[in-house]
């Protein structure tokens, strides 16, 4: 990519940064009220471990709380916020026409905006998250191996890319249908259940867990957290990173495919 093109996307990033920062209080309140489910989860697992005692597939009460703390942190770092609705609006309202005349990739354009949104969202939401971490600090056990931090970060970055490409592909459905909310909510329901937000994936029965490891949802959130917690090691760790890389490439290819097919349909009907 030439220096001129890079400067264009840096400009888009800066514009996205300014526009997103206008909604900083919305993000702060969303993050604050997003902690309410954590409170419910804490009480739920407290009751579970009090009833059964001991451990559940290697998790005790403390490590389960730590897991959900990391879920909150990582999801705030990597999960797109309203990107699909913005992209769908660009298509539905014809705003992409102005971009089609410019030597700029719409995928790269939207990714620049995604990055700026993540930066602002992270900046605004970290304070309340930091307070929660401080409150539950007795349950936090940091890895001692520096390599774990590196591999977990690589996995988290790939998770962000995968989530963005899936979001982008879903938004491309706006080329064919006016309202994409039903499709989005169906996919997000699978992500919530199969991505580890509801419960750690590795507490599932071995046969089901073995299948879930091959699905993209596993690598959108659970994988980087499991790597950080040391629950994926050795050959299993290498396999997880390889599969996640595969899903990254597949979702990127699918996002490009959906754009080309959708744009062809858009131009055919006089968009």
C-alpha atoms as a PDB file:
ATOM      1  CA  UNK A   1       0.000   0.000   0.000  1.00  0.00           C
ATOM      2  CA  UNK A   2       1.432   3.399  -1.014  1.00  0.00           C
ATOM      3  CA  UNK A   3       2.146   6.200   1.441  1.00  0.00           C
ATOM      4  CA  UNK A   4      -0.651   8.283  -0.074  1.00  0.00           C
ATOM      5  CA  UNK A   5      -3.241   5.579   0.541  1.00  0.00           C
ATOM      6  CA  UNK A   6      -2.015   5.047   4.101  1.00  0.00           C
ATOM      7  CA  UNK A   7      -2.408   8.795   4.744  1.00  0.00           C
ATOM      8  CA  UNK A   8      -6.005   8.618   3.490  1.00  0.00           C
ATOM      9  CA  UNK A   9      -6.891   5.868   5.938  1.00  0.00           C
ATOM     10  CA  UNK A  10      -5.092   7.702   8.754  1.00  0.00           C
ATOM     11  CA  UNK A  11      -7.299  10.711   7.938  1.00  0.00           C
ATOM     12  CA  UNK A  12     -10.389   8.475   8.052  1.00  0.00           C
ATOM     13  CA  UNK A  13      -9.190   7.120  11.403  1.00  0.00           C
ATOM     14  CA  UNK A  14      -8.804  10.656  12.790  1.00  0.00           C
ATOM     15  CA  UNK A  15     -12.250  11.696  11.547  1.00  0.00           C
ATOM     16  CA  UNK A  16     -13.754   8.555  13.056  1.00  0.00           C
ATOM     17  CA  UNK A  17     -11.942   9.346  16.309  1.00  0.00           C
ATOM     18  CA  UNK A  18     -13.457  12.811  16.469  1.00  0.00           C
ATOM     19  CA  UNK A  19     -16.952  11.645  15.552  1.00  0.00           C
ATOM     20  CA  UNK A  20     -16.893   8.743  17.989  1.00  0.00           C
ATOM     21  CA  UNK A  21     -15.597  10.841  20.865  1.00  0.00           C
ATOM     22  CA  UNK A  22     -18.787  12.905  20.700  1.00  0.00           C
ATOM     23  CA  UNK A  23     -20.592   9.848  22.084  1.00  0.00           C
ATOM     24  CA  UNK A  24     -18.115   9.177  24.882  1.00  0.00           C
ATOM     25  CA  UNK A  25     -20.765   9.504  27.618  1.00  0.00           C
ATOM     26  CA  UNK A  26     -22.997   7.041  25.783  1.00  0.00           C
ATOM     27  CA  UNK A  27     -20.102   4.576  25.798  1.00  0.00           C
ATOM     28  CA  UNK A  28     -19.385   5.222  29.468  1.00  0.00           C
ATOM     29  CA  UNK A  29     -23.004   4.610  30.479  1.00  0.00           C
ATOM     30  CA  UNK A  30     -23.195   1.531  28.263  1.00  0.00           C
ATOM     31  CA  UNK A  31     -20.080   0.109  29.916  1.00  0.00           C
ATOM     32  CA  UNK A  32     -21.352   1.012  33.374  1.00  0.00           C
ATOM     33  CA  UNK A  33     -24.724  -0.662  32.912  1.00  0.00           C
ATOM     34  CA  UNK A  34     -23.029  -3.506  31.078  1.00  0.00           C
ATOM     35  CA  UNK A  35     -21.492  -4.445  34.428  1.00  0.00           C
ATOM     36  CA  UNK A  36     -24.927  -5.300  35.830  1.00  0.00           C
ATOM     37  CA  UNK A  37     -24.945  -8.753  34.171  1.00  0.00           C
ATOM     38  CA  UNK A  38     -21.570  -9.375  35.847  1.00  0.00           C
ATOM     39  CA  UNK A  39     -23.180  -8.825  39.234  1.00  0.00           C
ATOM     40  CA  UNK A  40     -25.862 -11.371  38.370  1.00  0.00           C
ATOM     41  CA  UNK A  41     -23.217 -13.801  37.137  1.00  0.00           C
ATOM     42  CA  UNK A  42     -21.237 -13.443  40.367  1.00  0.00           C
ATOM     43  CA  UNK A  43     -24.290 -14.323  42.465  1.00  0.00           C
ATOM     44  CA  UNK A  44     -25.204 -17.192  40.124  1.00  0.00           C
ATOM     45  CA  UNK A  45     -21.796 -18.885  40.290  1.00  0.00           C
ATOM     46  CA  UNK A  46     -21.553 -18.219  44.017  1.00  0.00           C
ATOM     47  CA  UNK A  47     -24.761 -20.220  44.401  1.00  0.00           C
ATOM     48  CA  UNK A  48     -23.522 -22.962  42.047  1.00  0.00           C
ATOM     49  CA  UNK A  49     -20.230 -23.500  43.874  1.00  0.00           C
ATOM     50  CA  UNK A  50     -21.893 -23.246  47.276  1.00  0.00           C
ATOM     51  CA  UNK A  51     -24.335 -25.958  46.240  1.00  0.00           C
ATOM     52  CA  UNK A  52     -21.871 -28.374  44.624  1.00  0.00           C
ATOM     53  CA  UNK A  53     -18.614 -27.291  46.298  1.00  0.00           C
ATOM     54  CA  UNK A  54     -15.166 -28.016  44.915  1.00  0.00           C
ATOM     55  CA  UNK A  55     -14.399 -27.320  41.256  1.00  0.00           C
ATOM     56  CA  UNK A  56     -16.177 -27.438  37.925  1.00  0.00           C
ATOM     57  CA  UNK A  57     -13.907 -28.626  35.091  1.00  0.00           C
ATOM     58  CA  UNK A  58     -10.930 -26.911  36.712  1.00  0.00           C
ATOM     59  CA  UNK A  59     -12.779 -23.735  37.670  1.00  0.00           C
ATOM     60  CA  UNK A  60     -13.388 -22.757  41.260  1.00  0.00           C
ATOM     61  CA  UNK A  61     -15.359 -19.701  42.338  1.00  0.00           C
ATOM     62  CA  UNK A  62     -12.327 -17.387  42.161  1.00  0.00           C
ATOM     63  CA  UNK A  63     -11.150 -18.497  38.720  1.00  0.00           C
ATOM     64  CA  UNK A  64     -14.709 -18.292  37.384  1.00  0.00           C
ATOM     65  CA  UNK A  65     -14.989 -14.672  38.551  1.00  0.00           C
ATOM     66  CA  UNK A  66     -11.583 -13.961  37.003  1.00  0.00           C
ATOM     67  CA  UNK A  67     -12.809 -15.478  33.741  1.00  0.00           C
ATOM     68  CA  UNK A  68     -15.789 -13.110  33.599  1.00  0.00           C
ATOM     69  CA  UNK A  69     -13.598 -10.131  34.435  1.00  0.00           C
ATOM     70  CA  UNK A  70     -11.478 -10.986  31.396  1.00  0.00           C
ATOM     71  CA  UNK A  71     -14.623 -11.459  29.288  1.00  0.00           C
ATOM     72  CA  UNK A  72     -15.645  -7.892  30.105  1.00  0.00           C
ATOM     73  CA  UNK A  73     -12.183  -6.507  29.376  1.00  0.00           C
ATOM     74  CA  UNK A  74     -11.547  -8.370  26.109  1.00  0.00           C
ATOM     75  CA  UNK A  75     -15.069  -7.855  24.738  1.00  0.00           C
ATOM     76  CA  UNK A  76     -14.677  -4.106  25.254  1.00  0.00           C
ATOM     77  CA  UNK A  77     -11.373  -4.212  23.386  1.00  0.00           C
ATOM     78  CA  UNK A  78     -12.413  -6.269  20.354  1.00  0.00           C
ATOM     79  CA  UNK A  79     -16.189  -6.245  19.856  1.00  0.00           C
ATOM     80  CA  UNK A  80     -17.581  -3.880  17.185  1.00  0.00           C
ATOM     81  CA  UNK A  81     -20.077  -1.291  18.412  1.00  0.00           C
ATOM     82  CA  UNK A  82     -22.895  -0.432  15.992  1.00  0.00           C
ATOM     83  CA  UNK A  83     -20.591  -0.881  12.982  1.00  0.00           C
ATOM     84  CA  UNK A  84     -23.076  -3.131  11.214  1.00  0.00           C
ATOM     85  CA  UNK A  85     -25.868  -0.550  11.539  1.00  0.00           C
ATOM     86  CA  UNK A  86     -23.612   2.238  10.240  1.00  0.00           C
ATOM     87  CA  UNK A  87     -22.481   0.164   7.249  1.00  0.00           C
ATOM     88  CA  UNK A  88     -26.057  -0.892   6.486  1.00  0.00           C
ATOM     89  CA  UNK A  89     -27.112   2.777   6.661  1.00  0.00           C
ATOM     90  CA  UNK A  90     -24.334   3.722   4.216  1.00  0.00           C
ATOM     91  CA  UNK A  91     -25.715   1.180   1.762  1.00  0.00           C
ATOM     92  CA  UNK A  92     -29.415   1.820   2.343  1.00  0.00           C
ATOM     93  CA  UNK A  93     -29.111   5.611   2.140  1.00  0.00           C
ATOM     94  CA  UNK A  94     -26.741   5.593  -0.827  1.00  0.00           C
ATOM     95  CA  UNK A  95     -23.825   7.162   1.015  1.00  0.00           C
ATOM     96  CA  UNK A  96     -21.435   4.615  -0.482  1.00  0.00           C
ATOM     97  CA  UNK A  97     -21.895   6.334  -3.873  1.00  0.00           C
ATOM     98  CA  UNK A  98     -19.489   9.078  -2.804  1.00  0.00           C
ATOM     99  CA  UNK A  99     -16.933   6.489  -1.696  1.00  0.00           C
ATOM    100  CA  UNK A 100     -17.172   4.458  -4.905  1.00  0.00           C
ATOM    101  CA  UNK A 101     -15.713   7.376  -6.874  1.00  0.00           C
ATOM    102  CA  UNK A 102     -12.620   7.500  -4.663  1.00  0.00           C
ATOM    103  CA  UNK A 103      -9.539   5.227  -4.915  1.00  0.00           C
ATOM    104  CA  UNK A 104     -10.268   3.744  -1.518  1.00  0.00           C
ATOM    105  CA  UNK A 105     -11.210   0.273  -0.289  1.00  0.00           C
ATOM    106  CA  UNK A 106     -14.535   0.414   1.547  1.00  0.00           C
ATOM    107  CA  UNK A 107     -13.415  -2.493   3.738  1.00  0.00           C
ATOM    108  CA  UNK A 108     -10.242  -0.625   4.751  1.00  0.00           C
ATOM    109  CA  UNK A 109     -12.277   2.567   5.184  1.00  0.00           C
ATOM    110  CA  UNK A 110     -14.698   0.878   7.584  1.00  0.00           C
ATOM    111  CA  UNK A 111     -11.862  -0.906   9.385  1.00  0.00           C
ATOM    112  CA  UNK A 112     -10.193   2.468  10.032  1.00  0.00           C
ATOM    113  CA  UNK A 113     -13.448   3.675  11.591  1.00  0.00           C
ATOM    114  CA  UNK A 114     -13.712   0.437  13.584  1.00  0.00           C
ATOM    115  CA  UNK A 115     -10.217   0.999  15.010  1.00  0.00           C
ATOM    116  CA  UNK A 116     -10.996   4.592  15.981  1.00  0.00           C
ATOM    117  CA  UNK A 117     -14.223   3.467  17.644  1.00  0.00           C
ATOM    118  CA  UNK A 118     -12.427   0.753  19.601  1.00  0.00           C
ATOM    119  CA  UNK A 119      -9.804   3.251  20.779  1.00  0.00           C
ATOM    120  CA  UNK A 120     -12.390   5.727  22.089  1.00  0.00           C
ATOM    121  CA  UNK A 121     -14.594   2.996  23.543  1.00  0.00           C
ATOM    122  CA  UNK A 122     -11.623   1.463  25.355  1.00  0.00           C
ATOM    123  CA  UNK A 123     -10.443   4.833  26.667  1.00  0.00           C
ATOM    124  CA  UNK A 124     -13.895   5.695  28.034  1.00  0.00           C
ATOM    125  CA  UNK A 125     -14.812   2.294  29.472  1.00  0.00           C
ATOM    126  CA  UNK A 126     -11.506   1.331  31.107  1.00  0.00           C
ATOM    127  CA  UNK A 127     -12.060   3.358  34.322  1.00  0.00           C
ATOM    128  CA  UNK A 128     -15.200   1.463  35.465  1.00  0.00           C
ATOM    129  CA  UNK A 129     -13.649  -1.838  34.345  1.00  0.00           C
ATOM    130  CA  UNK A 130     -10.461  -1.004  36.273  1.00  0.00           C
ATOM    131  CA  UNK A 131     -12.534  -0.392  39.408  1.00  0.00           C
ATOM    132  CA  UNK A 132     -14.167  -3.818  39.036  1.00  0.00           C
ATOM    133  CA  UNK A 133     -10.742  -5.440  38.657  1.00  0.00           C
ATOM    134  CA  UNK A 134      -9.520  -3.656  41.771  1.00  0.00           C
ATOM    135  CA  UNK A 135     -12.590  -4.796  43.718  1.00  0.00           C
ATOM    136  CA  UNK A 136     -12.001  -8.448  42.708  1.00  0.00           C
ATOM    137  CA  UNK A 137      -8.198  -8.203  42.854  1.00  0.00           C
ATOM    138  CA  UNK A 138      -7.913 -11.180  45.217  1.00  0.00           C
ATOM    139  CA  UNK A 139      -9.057 -13.476  42.391  1.00  0.00           C
ATOM    140  CA  UNK A 140      -6.573 -12.179  39.798  1.00  0.00           C
ATOM    141  CA  UNK A 141      -3.568 -14.396  39.082  1.00  0.00           C
ATOM    142  CA  UNK A 142      -1.336 -13.063  36.311  1.00  0.00           C
ATOM    143  CA  UNK A 143       0.726 -15.427  34.120  1.00  0.00           C
ATOM    144  CA  UNK A 144       4.437 -15.624  34.883  1.00  0.00           C
ATOM    145  CA  UNK A 145       5.501 -16.637  31.356  1.00  0.00           C
ATOM    146  CA  UNK A 146       5.987 -13.559  29.092  1.00  0.00           C
ATOM    147  CA  UNK A 147       5.174 -15.697  26.047  1.00  0.00           C
ATOM    148  CA  UNK A 148       1.606 -16.110  27.324  1.00  0.00           C
ATOM    149  CA  UNK A 149       1.073 -12.349  27.113  1.00  0.00           C
ATOM    150  CA  UNK A 150       2.381 -12.297  23.540  1.00  0.00           C
ATOM    151  CA  UNK A 151       0.296 -15.246  22.332  1.00  0.00           C
ATOM    152  CA  UNK A 152      -2.843 -14.010  24.091  1.00  0.00           C
ATOM    153  CA  UNK A 153      -2.373 -10.577  22.489  1.00  0.00           C
ATOM    154  CA  UNK A 154      -1.921 -12.103  19.033  1.00  0.00           C
ATOM    155  CA  UNK A 155      -5.048 -14.196  19.559  1.00  0.00           C
ATOM    156  CA  UNK A 156      -6.973 -11.142  20.791  1.00  0.00           C
ATOM    157  CA  UNK A 157      -5.977  -9.130  17.715  1.00  0.00           C
ATOM    158  CA  UNK A 158      -7.124 -11.955  15.450  1.00  0.00           C
ATOM    159  CA  UNK A 159     -10.373 -12.120  17.437  1.00  0.00           C
ATOM    160  CA  UNK A 160     -10.939  -8.407  16.747  1.00  0.00           C
ATOM    161  CA  UNK A 161     -10.345  -8.912  13.017  1.00  0.00           C
ATOM    162  CA  UNK A 162     -12.663 -11.934  12.899  1.00  0.00           C
ATOM    163  CA  UNK A 163     -15.429 -10.071  14.721  1.00  0.00           C
ATOM    164  CA  UNK A 164     -15.080  -7.089  12.399  1.00  0.00           C
ATOM    165  CA  UNK A 165     -15.126  -9.195   9.220  1.00  0.00           C
ATOM    166  CA  UNK A 166     -18.225 -11.083  10.404  1.00  0.00           C
ATOM    167  CA  UNK A 167     -19.935  -7.795  11.294  1.00  0.00           C
ATOM    168  CA  UNK A 168     -18.989  -6.341   7.909  1.00  0.00           C
ATOM    169  CA  UNK A 169     -20.313  -9.401   6.070  1.00  0.00           C
ATOM    170  CA  UNK A 170     -23.609  -9.240   7.954  1.00  0.00           C
ATOM    171  CA  UNK A 171     -23.965  -5.564   7.068  1.00  0.00           C
ATOM    172  CA  UNK A 172     -23.495  -6.442   3.386  1.00  0.00           C
ATOM    173  CA  UNK A 173     -26.923  -8.106   3.517  1.00  0.00           C
ATOM    174  CA  UNK A 174     -28.295  -4.548   3.294  1.00  0.00           C
ATOM    175  CA  UNK A 175     -27.597  -4.736  -0.443  1.00  0.00           C
ATOM    176  CA  UNK A 176     -30.456  -7.242  -0.730  1.00  0.00           C
ATOM    177  CA  UNK A 177     -32.786  -6.553   2.206  1.00  0.00           C
ATOM    178  CA  UNK A 178     -33.836  -3.316   3.897  1.00  0.00           C
ATOM    179  CA  UNK A 179     -33.749  -4.564   7.480  1.00  0.00           C
ATOM    180  CA  UNK A 180     -30.824  -6.701   8.676  1.00  0.00           C
ATOM    181  CA  UNK A 181     -31.641  -6.669  12.407  1.00  0.00           C
ATOM    182  CA  UNK A 182     -33.153 -10.170  12.470  1.00  0.00           C
ATOM    183  CA  UNK A 183     -30.086 -11.727  10.834  1.00  0.00           C
ATOM    184  CA  UNK A 184     -27.747  -9.739  13.091  1.00  0.00           C
ATOM    185  CA  UNK A 185     -29.526 -10.786  16.280  1.00  0.00           C
ATOM    186  CA  UNK A 186     -29.578 -14.447  15.232  1.00  0.00           C
ATOM    187  CA  UNK A 187     -25.820 -14.445  14.601  1.00  0.00           C
ATOM    188  CA  UNK A 188     -25.139 -12.489  17.788  1.00  0.00           C
ATOM    189  CA  UNK A 189     -27.172 -15.018  19.765  1.00  0.00           C
ATOM    190  CA  UNK A 190     -24.865 -17.761  18.507  1.00  0.00           C
ATOM    191  CA  UNK A 191     -21.832 -15.594  19.322  1.00  0.00           C
ATOM    192  CA  UNK A 192     -23.082 -14.986  22.857  1.00  0.00           C
ATOM    193  CA  UNK A 193     -23.756 -18.665  23.526  1.00  0.00           C
ATOM    194  CA  UNK A 194     -20.856 -20.235  21.614  1.00  0.00           C
ATOM    195  CA  UNK A 195     -18.270 -17.486  22.154  1.00  0.00           C
ATOM    196  CA  UNK A 196     -17.935 -17.910  25.898  1.00  0.00           C
ATOM    197  CA  UNK A 197     -19.896 -14.937  27.191  1.00  0.00           C
ATOM    198  CA  UNK A 198     -22.596 -17.033  28.827  1.00  0.00           C
ATOM    199  CA  UNK A 199     -20.194 -19.619  30.317  1.00  0.00           C
ATOM    200  CA  UNK A 200     -16.671 -20.959  29.659  1.00  0.00           C
ATOM    201  CA  UNK A 201     -16.796 -23.168  26.585  1.00  0.00           C
ATOM    202  CA  UNK A 202     -14.501 -25.795  28.095  1.00  0.00           C
ATOM    203  CA  UNK A 203     -17.026 -26.805  30.769  1.00  0.00           C
ATOM    204  CA  UNK A 204     -19.086 -28.413  28.005  1.00  0.00           C
ATOM    205  CA  UNK A 205     -18.974 -32.212  27.518  1.00  0.00           C
ATOM    206  CA  UNK A 206     -15.781 -33.236  25.655  1.00  0.00           C
ATOM    207  CA  UNK A 207     -17.582 -34.271  22.452  1.00  0.00           C
ATOM    208  CA  UNK A 208     -19.438 -30.952  22.198  1.00  0.00           C
ATOM    209  CA  UNK A 209     -16.330 -28.978  23.129  1.00  0.00           C
ATOM    210  CA  UNK A 210     -14.362 -30.754  20.403  1.00  0.00           C
ATOM    211  CA  UNK A 211     -16.915 -29.585  17.809  1.00  0.00           C
ATOM    212  CA  UNK A 212     -17.092 -26.034  19.145  1.00  0.00           C
ATOM    213  CA  UNK A 213     -13.315 -25.651  18.754  1.00  0.00           C
ATOM    214  CA  UNK A 214     -13.801 -25.735  14.985  1.00  0.00           C
ATOM    215  CA  UNK A 215     -16.411 -22.951  14.921  1.00  0.00           C
ATOM    216  CA  UNK A 216     -15.475 -19.268  14.424  1.00  0.00           C
ATOM    217  CA  UNK A 217     -17.394 -18.176  17.550  1.00  0.00           C
ATOM    218  CA  UNK A 218     -14.852 -19.979  19.749  1.00  0.00           C
ATOM    219  CA  UNK A 219     -12.130 -17.656  18.448  1.00  0.00           C
ATOM    220  CA  UNK A 220     -14.067 -14.400  18.764  1.00  0.00           C
ATOM    221  CA  UNK A 221     -13.616 -14.164  22.516  1.00  0.00           C
ATOM    222  CA  UNK A 222     -12.980 -17.422  24.364  1.00  0.00           C
ATOM    223  CA  UNK A 223      -9.672 -18.431  22.742  1.00  0.00           C
ATOM    224  CA  UNK A 224      -7.531 -15.408  23.779  1.00  0.00           C
ATOM    225  CA  UNK A 225      -8.915 -15.588  27.328  1.00  0.00           C
ATOM    226  CA  UNK A 226      -8.291 -19.341  27.596  1.00  0.00           C
ATOM    227  CA  UNK A 227      -4.726 -18.793  26.347  1.00  0.00           C
ATOM    228  CA  UNK A 228      -4.163 -16.058  28.939  1.00  0.00           C
ATOM    229  CA  UNK A 229      -5.538 -18.291  31.701  1.00  0.00           C
ATOM    230  CA  UNK A 230      -3.281 -21.151  30.612  1.00  0.00           C
ATOM    231  CA  UNK A 231      -6.222 -23.406  29.801  1.00  0.00           C
ATOM    232  CA  UNK A 232      -4.893 -23.988  26.282  1.00  0.00           C
ATOM    233  CA  UNK A 233      -1.282 -25.147  26.170  1.00  0.00           C
ATOM    234  CA  UNK A 234       1.234 -27.050  24.072  1.00  0.00           C
ATOM    235  CA  UNK A 235      -0.077 -28.752  20.940  1.00  0.00           C
ATOM    236  CA  UNK A 236      -3.630 -27.579  21.702  1.00  0.00           C
ATOM    237  CA  UNK A 237      -2.384 -23.980  21.762  1.00  0.00           C
ATOM    238  CA  UNK A 238      -0.635 -24.346  18.403  1.00  0.00           C
ATOM    239  CA  UNK A 239      -3.761 -25.933  16.940  1.00  0.00           C
ATOM    240  CA  UNK A 240      -5.989 -23.160  18.313  1.00  0.00           C
ATOM    241  CA  UNK A 241      -3.830 -20.403  16.816  1.00  0.00           C
ATOM    242  CA  UNK A 242      -3.704 -22.248  13.480  1.00  0.00           C
ATOM    243  CA  UNK A 243      -7.490 -22.645  13.357  1.00  0.00           C
ATOM    244  CA  UNK A 244      -7.986 -19.035  14.410  1.00  0.00           C
ATOM    245  CA  UNK A 245      -5.656 -17.910  11.617  1.00  0.00           C
ATOM    246  CA  UNK A 246      -7.708 -20.012   9.207  1.00  0.00           C
ATOM    247  CA  UNK A 247     -10.944 -18.352  10.336  1.00  0.00           C
ATOM    248  CA  UNK A 248      -9.312 -14.943  10.049  1.00  0.00           C
ATOM    249  CA  UNK A 249      -8.459 -15.601   6.404  1.00  0.00           C
ATOM    250  CA  UNK A 250     -11.856 -17.135   5.663  1.00  0.00           C
ATOM    251  CA  UNK A 251     -13.837 -14.267   7.215  1.00  0.00           C
ATOM    252  CA  UNK A 252     -11.650 -11.736   5.374  1.00  0.00           C
ATOM    253  CA  UNK A 253     -12.253 -13.540   2.070  1.00  0.00           C
ATOM    254  CA  UNK A 254     -15.993 -13.785   2.784  1.00  0.00           C
ATOM    255  CA  UNK A 255     -16.183 -10.060   3.612  1.00  0.00           C
ATOM    256  CA  UNK A 256     -14.570  -9.224   0.265  1.00  0.00           C
ATOM    257  CA  UNK A 257     -16.832 -11.677  -1.554  1.00  0.00           C
ATOM    258  CA  UNK A 258     -19.993 -10.209   0.023  1.00  0.00           C
ATOM    259  CA  UNK A 259     -18.896  -6.687  -0.921  1.00  0.00           C
ATOM    260  CA  UNK A 260     -18.269  -7.617  -4.560  1.00  0.00           C
ATOM    261  CA  UNK A 261     -21.540  -9.544  -4.911  1.00  0.00           C
ATOM    262  CA  UNK A 262     -23.509  -6.874  -3.097  1.00  0.00           C
ATOM    263  CA  UNK A 263     -21.957  -4.050  -5.096  1.00  0.00           C
ATOM    264  CA  UNK A 264     -22.757  -5.885  -8.326  1.00  0.00           C
ATOM    265  CA  UNK A 265     -26.396  -6.197  -7.238  1.00  0.00           C
ATOM    266  CA  UNK A 266     -26.442  -2.560  -6.102  1.00  0.00           C
ATOM    267  CA  UNK A 267     -25.220  -1.280  -9.474  1.00  0.00           C
ATOM    268  CA  UNK A 268     -27.496  -3.635 -11.385  1.00  0.00           C
ATOM    269  CA  UNK A 269     -30.609  -2.187  -9.758  1.00  0.00           C
ATOM    270  CA  UNK A 270     -29.410   1.385 -10.244  1.00  0.00           C
ATOM    271  CA  UNK A 271     -28.008   2.132  -6.775  1.00  0.00           C
END
